[in-house]
PDB file of N, CA and C in Angstrom:
ATOM      1  N   MET A   1     -83.608 -34.285 -65.408  1.00  0.00           N
ATOM      2  CA  MET A   1     -84.951 -35.334 -65.140  1.00  0.00           C
ATOM      3  C   MET A   1     -84.810 -36.537 -65.684  1.00  0.00           C
ATOM      4  N   PRO A   2     -84.838 -37.597 -64.792  1.00  0.00           N
ATOM      5  CA  PRO A   2     -85.018 -39.028 -65.340  1.00  0.00           C
ATOM      6  C   PRO A   2     -86.336 -39.250 -65.974  1.00  0.00           C
ATOM      7  N   ILE A   3     -86.291 -40.042 -67.027  1.00  0.00           N
ATOM      8  CA  ILE A   3     -87.502 -40.421 -67.587  1.00  0.00           C
ATOM      9  C   ILE A   3     -86.987 -42.162 -67.593  1.00  0.00           C
ATOM     10  N   VAL A   4     -88.077 -42.758 -66.768  1.00  0.00           N
ATOM     11  CA  VAL A   4     -88.187 -44.174 -66.958  1.00  0.00           C
ATOM     12  C   VAL A   4     -89.355 -44.716 -67.941  1.00  0.00           C
ATOM     13  N   THR A   5     -89.025 -45.566 -68.751  1.00  0.00           N
ATOM     14  CA  THR A   5     -90.211 -46.069 -69.637  1.00  0.00           C
ATOM     15  C   THR A   5     -90.199 -47.565 -69.329  1.00  0.00           C
ATOM     16  N   ILE A   6     -91.463 -47.993 -69.019  1.00  0.00           N
ATOM     17  CA  ILE A   6     -92.018 -49.347 -69.010  1.00  0.00           C
ATOM     18  C   ILE A   6     -92.580 -49.720 -70.065  1.00  0.00           C
ATOM     19  N   LYS A   7     -92.085 -50.804 -70.617  1.00  0.00           N
ATOM     20  CA  LYS A   7     -92.927 -51.484 -71.797  1.00  0.00           C
ATOM     21  C   LYS A   7     -93.677 -52.726 -71.319  1.00  0.00           C
ATOM     22  N   VAL A   8     -94.989 -52.672 -71.457  1.00  0.00           N
ATOM     23  CA  VAL A   8     -95.781 -53.969 -71.247  1.00  0.00           C
ATOM     24  C   VAL A   8     -96.655 -54.380 -72.393  1.00  0.00           C
ATOM     25  N   ILE A   9     -97.119 -55.635 -72.273  1.00  0.00           N
ATOM     26  CA  ILE A   9     -98.080 -56.056 -73.487  1.00  0.00           C
ATOM     27  C   ILE A   9     -99.186 -55.395 -73.409  1.00  0.00           C
ATOM     28  N   GLU A  10     -99.925 -54.942 -74.515  1.00  0.00           N
ATOM     29  CA  GLU A  10    -100.973 -54.202 -74.624  1.00  0.00           C
ATOM     30  C   GLU A  10    -102.296 -55.031 -73.914  1.00  0.00           C
ATOM     31  N   ASP A  11    -103.116 -54.187 -73.118  1.00  0.00           N
ATOM     32  CA  ASP A  11    -104.064 -54.891 -72.451  1.00  0.00           C
ATOM     33  C   ASP A  11    -103.892 -55.948 -71.396  1.00  0.00           C
ATOM     34  N   VAL A  12    -102.960 -55.859 -70.874  1.00  0.00           N
ATOM     35  CA  VAL A  12    -102.350 -57.069 -69.826  1.00  0.00           C
ATOM     36  C   VAL A  12    -102.774 -56.048 -68.356  1.00  0.00           C
ATOM     37  N   PHE A  13    -102.432 -54.941 -68.193  1.00  0.00           N
ATOM     38  CA  PHE A  13    -102.821 -54.448 -67.059  1.00  0.00           C
ATOM     39  C   PHE A  13    -103.767 -53.464 -67.151  1.00  0.00           C
ATOM     40  N   ARG A  14    -104.605 -53.370 -65.882  1.00  0.00           N
ATOM     41  CA  ARG A  14    -105.812 -52.395 -65.874  1.00  0.00           C
ATOM     42  C   ARG A  14    -104.964 -51.168 -65.394  1.00  0.00           C
ATOM     43  N   PRO A  15    -105.991 -50.180 -65.897  1.00  0.00           N
ATOM     44  CA  PRO A  15    -105.672 -48.689 -65.368  1.00  0.00           C
ATOM     45  C   PRO A  15    -105.229 -48.392 -63.897  1.00  0.00           C
ATOM     46  N   ASP A  16    -105.871 -49.020 -63.000  1.00  0.00           N
ATOM     47  CA  ASP A  16    -105.242 -49.084 -61.796  1.00  0.00           C
ATOM     48  C   ASP A  16    -104.072 -49.565 -61.196  1.00  0.00           C
ATOM     49  N   GLN A  17    -103.824 -50.541 -62.151  1.00  0.00           N
ATOM     50  CA  GLN A  17    -102.375 -51.297 -61.980  1.00  0.00           C
ATOM     51  C   GLN A  17    -101.277 -50.354 -62.494  1.00  0.00           C
ATOM     52  N   LYS A  18    -101.496 -49.753 -63.661  1.00  0.00           N
ATOM     53  CA  LYS A  18    -100.642 -48.852 -64.385  1.00  0.00           C
ATOM     54  C   LYS A  18    -100.291 -47.707 -63.299  1.00  0.00           C
ATOM     55  N   GLU A  19    -101.490 -47.189 -62.792  1.00  0.00           N
ATOM     56  CA  GLU A  19    -101.397 -46.029 -61.885  1.00  0.00           C
ATOM     57  C   GLU A  19    -100.365 -46.441 -60.784  1.00  0.00           C
ATOM     58  N   MET A  20    -100.408 -47.486 -60.067  1.00  0.00           N
ATOM     59  CA  MET A  20     -99.846 -48.183 -59.086  1.00  0.00           C
ATOM     60  C   MET A  20     -98.230 -48.329 -59.541  1.00  0.00           C
ATOM     61  N   MET A  21     -97.958 -48.735 -60.799  1.00  0.00           N
ATOM     62  CA  MET A  21     -96.563 -48.917 -61.146  1.00  0.00           C
ATOM     63  C   MET A  21     -95.970 -47.515 -61.279  1.00  0.00           C
ATOM     64  N   ILE A  22     -96.683 -46.589 -61.789  1.00  0.00           N
ATOM     65  CA  ILE A  22     -96.178 -45.140 -61.885  1.00  0.00           C
ATOM     66  C   ILE A  22     -95.790 -44.586 -60.502  1.00  0.00           C
ATOM     67  N   LYS A  23     -96.784 -44.877 -59.572  1.00  0.00           N
ATOM     68  CA  LYS A  23     -96.460 -44.269 -58.471  1.00  0.00           C
ATOM     69  C   LYS A  23     -95.299 -45.174 -57.627  1.00  0.00           C
ATOM     70  N   GLU A  24     -95.104 -46.455 -57.769  1.00  0.00           N
ATOM     71  CA  GLU A  24     -93.938 -47.056 -57.164  1.00  0.00           C
ATOM     72  C   GLU A  24     -92.709 -46.803 -57.731  1.00  0.00           C
ATOM     73  N   VAL A  25     -92.711 -46.588 -59.006  1.00  0.00           N
ATOM     74  CA  VAL A  25     -91.412 -46.452 -59.642  1.00  0.00           C
ATOM     75  C   VAL A  25     -91.104 -44.810 -59.420  1.00  0.00           C
ATOM     76  N   THR A  26     -91.934 -44.022 -59.210  1.00  0.00           N
ATOM     77  CA  THR A  26     -91.716 -42.457 -59.059  1.00  0.00           C
ATOM     78  C   THR A  26     -91.104 -42.624 -57.567  1.00  0.00           C
ATOM     79  N   ASP A  27     -91.581 -43.113 -56.702  1.00  0.00           N
ATOM     80  CA  ASP A  27     -91.379 -43.244 -55.335  1.00  0.00           C
ATOM     81  C   ASP A  27     -89.838 -43.747 -55.246  1.00  0.00           C
ATOM     82  N   ALA A  28     -89.620 -44.842 -56.126  1.00  0.00           N
ATOM     83  CA  ALA A  28     -87.926 -45.303 -56.120  1.00  0.00           C
ATOM     84  C   ALA A  28     -87.149 -44.377 -56.448  1.00  0.00           C
ATOM     85  N   MET A  29     -87.639 -43.674 -57.723  1.00  0.00           N
ATOM     86  CA  MET A  29     -86.667 -42.468 -58.198  1.00  0.00           C
ATOM     87  C   MET A  29     -86.546 -41.354 -57.172  1.00  0.00           C
ATOM     88  N   VAL A  30     -87.573 -41.003 -56.530  1.00  0.00           N
ATOM     89  CA  VAL A  30     -87.297 -40.005 -55.420  1.00  0.00           C
ATOM     90  C   VAL A  30     -86.271 -40.482 -54.499  1.00  0.00           C
ATOM     91  N   ARG A  31     -86.288 -41.762 -54.057  1.00  0.00           N
ATOM     92  CA  ARG A  31     -85.259 -42.236 -53.159  1.00  0.00           C
ATOM     93  C   ARG A  31     -83.913 -41.903 -53.477  1.00  0.00           C
ATOM     94  N   VAL A  32     -83.816 -41.851 -54.969  1.00  0.00           N
ATOM     95  CA  VAL A  32     -82.457 -41.751 -55.636  1.00  0.00           C
ATOM     96  C   VAL A  32     -82.139 -40.252 -55.626  1.00  0.00           C
ATOM     97  N   THR A  33     -83.219 -39.520 -56.064  1.00  0.00           N
ATOM     98  CA  THR A  33     -82.707 -38.199 -56.743  1.00  0.00           C
ATOM     99  C   THR A  33     -83.266 -37.158 -55.494  1.00  0.00           C
ATOM    100  N   GLY A  34     -84.055 -37.493 -54.651  1.00  0.00           N
ATOM    101  CA  GLY A  34     -84.364 -36.673 -53.531  1.00  0.00           C
ATOM    102  C   GLY A  34     -85.795 -36.059 -53.779  1.00  0.00           C
ATOM    103  N   GLU A  35     -86.517 -35.976 -52.780  1.00  0.00           N
ATOM    104  CA  GLU A  35     -87.974 -35.417 -52.608  1.00  0.00           C
ATOM    105  C   GLU A  35     -87.981 -34.056 -53.426  1.00  0.00           C
ATOM    106  N   GLU A  36     -87.148 -33.528 -53.346  1.00  0.00           N
ATOM    107  CA  GLU A  36     -87.196 -31.807 -54.164  1.00  0.00           C
ATOM    108  C   GLU A  36     -87.351 -32.231 -55.708  1.00  0.00           C
ATOM    109  N   LYS A  37     -86.851 -33.397 -56.121  1.00  0.00           N
ATOM    110  CA  LYS A  37     -87.032 -33.707 -57.642  1.00  0.00           C
ATOM    111  C   LYS A  37     -88.152 -34.288 -57.993  1.00  0.00           C
ATOM    112  N   ARG A  38     -89.178 -34.746 -57.021  1.00  0.00           N
ATOM    113  CA  ARG A  38     -90.271 -35.551 -57.615  1.00  0.00           C
ATOM    114  C   ARG A  38     -91.004 -35.075 -58.728  1.00  0.00           C
ATOM    115  N   ASP A  39     -91.347 -33.739 -58.700  1.00  0.00           N
ATOM    116  CA  ASP A  39     -91.829 -33.242 -59.966  1.00  0.00           C
ATOM    117  C   ASP A  39     -91.284 -33.374 -61.355  1.00  0.00           C
ATOM    118  N   SER A  40     -89.943 -33.703 -61.181  1.00  0.00           N
ATOM    119  CA  SER A  40     -89.038 -33.605 -62.494  1.00  0.00           C
ATOM    120  C   SER A  40     -88.880 -35.381 -62.995  1.00  0.00           C
ATOM    121  N   ASN A  41     -89.430 -36.045 -62.317  1.00  0.00           N
ATOM    122  CA  ASN A  41     -89.218 -37.738 -62.576  1.00  0.00           C
ATOM    123  C   ASN A  41     -90.419 -38.076 -63.452  1.00  0.00           C
ATOM    124  N   TRP A  42     -90.010 -38.471 -64.730  1.00  0.00           N
ATOM    125  CA  TRP A  42     -91.172 -38.907 -65.569  1.00  0.00           C
ATOM    126  C   TRP A  42     -91.188 -40.479 -65.436  1.00  0.00           C
ATOM    127  N   VAL A  43     -92.574 -40.944 -65.682  1.00  0.00           N
ATOM    128  CA  VAL A  43     -92.462 -42.515 -65.815  1.00  0.00           C
ATOM    129  C   VAL A  43     -93.578 -42.364 -67.123  1.00  0.00           C
ATOM    130  N   LEU A  44     -93.032 -43.460 -68.083  1.00  0.00           N
ATOM    131  CA  LEU A  44     -93.830 -43.613 -69.317  1.00  0.00           C
ATOM    132  C   LEU A  44     -94.219 -45.066 -69.458  1.00  0.00           C
ATOM    133  N   ILE A  45     -95.415 -45.511 -69.577  1.00  0.00           N
ATOM    134  CA  ILE A  45     -95.914 -46.628 -69.680  1.00  0.00           C
ATOM    135  C   ILE A  45     -96.174 -46.851 -71.380  1.00  0.00           C
ATOM    136  N   GLU A  46     -95.485 -47.833 -72.006  1.00  0.00           N
ATOM    137  CA  GLU A  46     -95.531 -47.882 -73.334  1.00  0.00           C
ATOM    138  C   GLU A  46     -96.320 -49.445 -73.645  1.00  0.00           C
ATOM    139  N   GLU A  47     -97.512 -49.500 -73.988  1.00  0.00           N
ATOM    140  CA  GLU A  47     -98.263 -50.513 -74.520  1.00  0.00           C
ATOM    141  C   GLU A  47     -97.854 -51.049 -75.983  1.00  0.00           C
ATOM    142  N   VAL A  48     -97.334 -52.494 -76.028  1.00  0.00           N
ATOM    143  CA  VAL A  48     -96.918 -53.069 -77.150  1.00  0.00           C
ATOM    144  C   VAL A  48     -97.822 -54.106 -77.456  1.00  0.00           C
ATOM    145  N   LYS A  49     -98.174 -54.179 -78.781  1.00  0.00           N
ATOM    146  CA  LYS A  49     -99.172 -55.230 -79.200  1.00  0.00           C
ATOM    147  C   LYS A  49     -98.452 -56.714 -78.906  1.00  0.00           C
ATOM    148  N   LEU A  50     -99.357 -57.606 -78.581  1.00  0.00           N
ATOM    149  CA  LEU A  50     -99.071 -58.939 -78.124  1.00  0.00           C
ATOM    150  C   LEU A  50     -98.029 -59.557 -79.543  1.00  0.00           C
ATOM    151  N   GLY A  51     -98.411 -59.364 -80.519  1.00  0.00           N
ATOM    152  CA  GLY A  51     -97.607 -60.004 -81.724  1.00  0.00           C
ATOM    153  C   GLY A  51     -96.422 -59.352 -82.160  1.00  0.00           C
ATOM    154  N   ASP A  52     -96.208 -58.124 -81.455  1.00  0.00           N
ATOM    155  CA  ASP A  52     -94.918 -57.214 -81.646  1.00  0.00           C
ATOM    156  C   ASP A  52     -93.731 -57.614 -80.701  1.00  0.00           C
ATOM    157  N   TRP A  53     -94.007 -58.598 -79.810  1.00  0.00           N
ATOM    158  CA  TRP A  53     -92.814 -59.137 -78.955  1.00  0.00           C
ATOM    159  C   TRP A  53     -92.218 -60.427 -79.442  1.00  0.00           C
ATOM    160  N   ALA A  54     -90.944 -60.638 -78.939  1.00  0.00           N
ATOM    161  CA  ALA A  54     -90.259 -61.680 -79.229  1.00  0.00           C
ATOM    162  C   ALA A  54     -89.519 -61.966 -77.830  1.00  0.00           C
ATOM    163  N   ILE A  55     -89.493 -63.349 -77.758  1.00  0.00           N
ATOM    164  CA  ILE A  55     -88.634 -63.601 -76.379  1.00  0.00           C
ATOM    165  C   ILE A  55     -87.731 -64.650 -76.934  1.00  0.00           C
ATOM    166  N   GLY A  56     -86.426 -64.741 -76.660  1.00  0.00           N
ATOM    167  CA  GLY A  56     -85.573 -65.800 -77.031  1.00  0.00           C
ATOM    168  C   GLY A  56     -85.553 -65.874 -78.666  1.00  0.00           C
ATOM    169  N   GLY A  57     -85.733 -64.894 -79.480  1.00  0.00           N
ATOM    170  CA  GLY A  57     -85.674 -64.927 -80.868  1.00  0.00           C
ATOM    171  C   GLY A  57     -86.915 -65.501 -81.461  1.00  0.00           C
ATOM    172  N   LYS A  58     -88.115 -65.802 -80.561  1.00  0.00           N
ATOM    173  CA  LYS A  58     -89.211 -66.220 -81.068  1.00  0.00           C
ATOM    174  C   LYS A  58     -90.362 -65.165 -80.743  1.00  0.00           C
ATOM    175  N   ALA A  59     -91.245 -65.002 -81.862  1.00  0.00           N
ATOM    176  CA  ALA A  59     -92.158 -63.985 -81.717  1.00  0.00           C
ATOM    177  C   ALA A  59     -93.351 -64.630 -80.846  1.00  0.00           C
ATOM    178  N   VAL A  60     -93.790 -63.664 -79.845  1.00  0.00           N
ATOM    179  CA  VAL A  60     -94.826 -64.099 -78.916  1.00  0.00           C
ATOM    180  C   VAL A  60     -96.139 -63.642 -79.568  1.00  0.00           C
ATOM    181  N   ASN A  61     -96.953 -64.463 -80.032  1.00  0.00           N
ATOM    182  CA  ASN A  61     -98.283 -64.046 -80.730  1.00  0.00           C
ATOM    183  C   ASN A  61     -99.488 -64.463 -79.625  1.00  0.00           C
ATOM    184  N   PRO A  62    -100.638 -63.988 -80.054  1.00  0.00           N
ATOM    185  CA  PRO A  62    -101.890 -64.251 -79.228  1.00  0.00           C
ATOM    186  C   PRO A  62    -102.309 -65.581 -79.690  1.00  0.00           C
ATOM    187  N   PRO A  63    -103.032 -66.309 -78.886  1.00  0.00           N
ATOM    188  CA  PRO A  63    -103.734 -67.579 -79.220  1.00  0.00           C
ATOM    189  C   PRO A  63    -104.478 -67.510 -80.362  1.00  0.00           C
ATOM    190  N   LYS A  64    -104.598 -68.510 -81.222  1.00  0.00           N
ATOM    191  CA  LYS A  64    -105.456 -68.556 -82.409  1.00  0.00           C
ATOM    192  C   LYS A  64    -106.802 -69.008 -81.905  1.00  0.00           C
ATOM    193  N   GLY A  65    -107.906 -68.416 -82.342  1.00  0.00           N
ATOM    194  CA  GLY A  65    -109.312 -69.014 -82.097  1.00  0.00           C
ATOM    195  C   GLY A  65    -110.121 -68.172 -81.367  1.00  0.00           C
TER     196      GLY A  65
END
């Protein structure tokens, strides 16, 4: 059973956008694993607080104010 984890910054995507991500990623995995494996493909969306991200070695922090 494949498990696909998508990490996103917290509160960036609406619930309907996350639902679309799950559907599209599942459909992509089914193209690889076959339709009979649809029910065993897992997609997890993990939200990470903005201050807990770093890009290029520098923390990405929320704007002040």
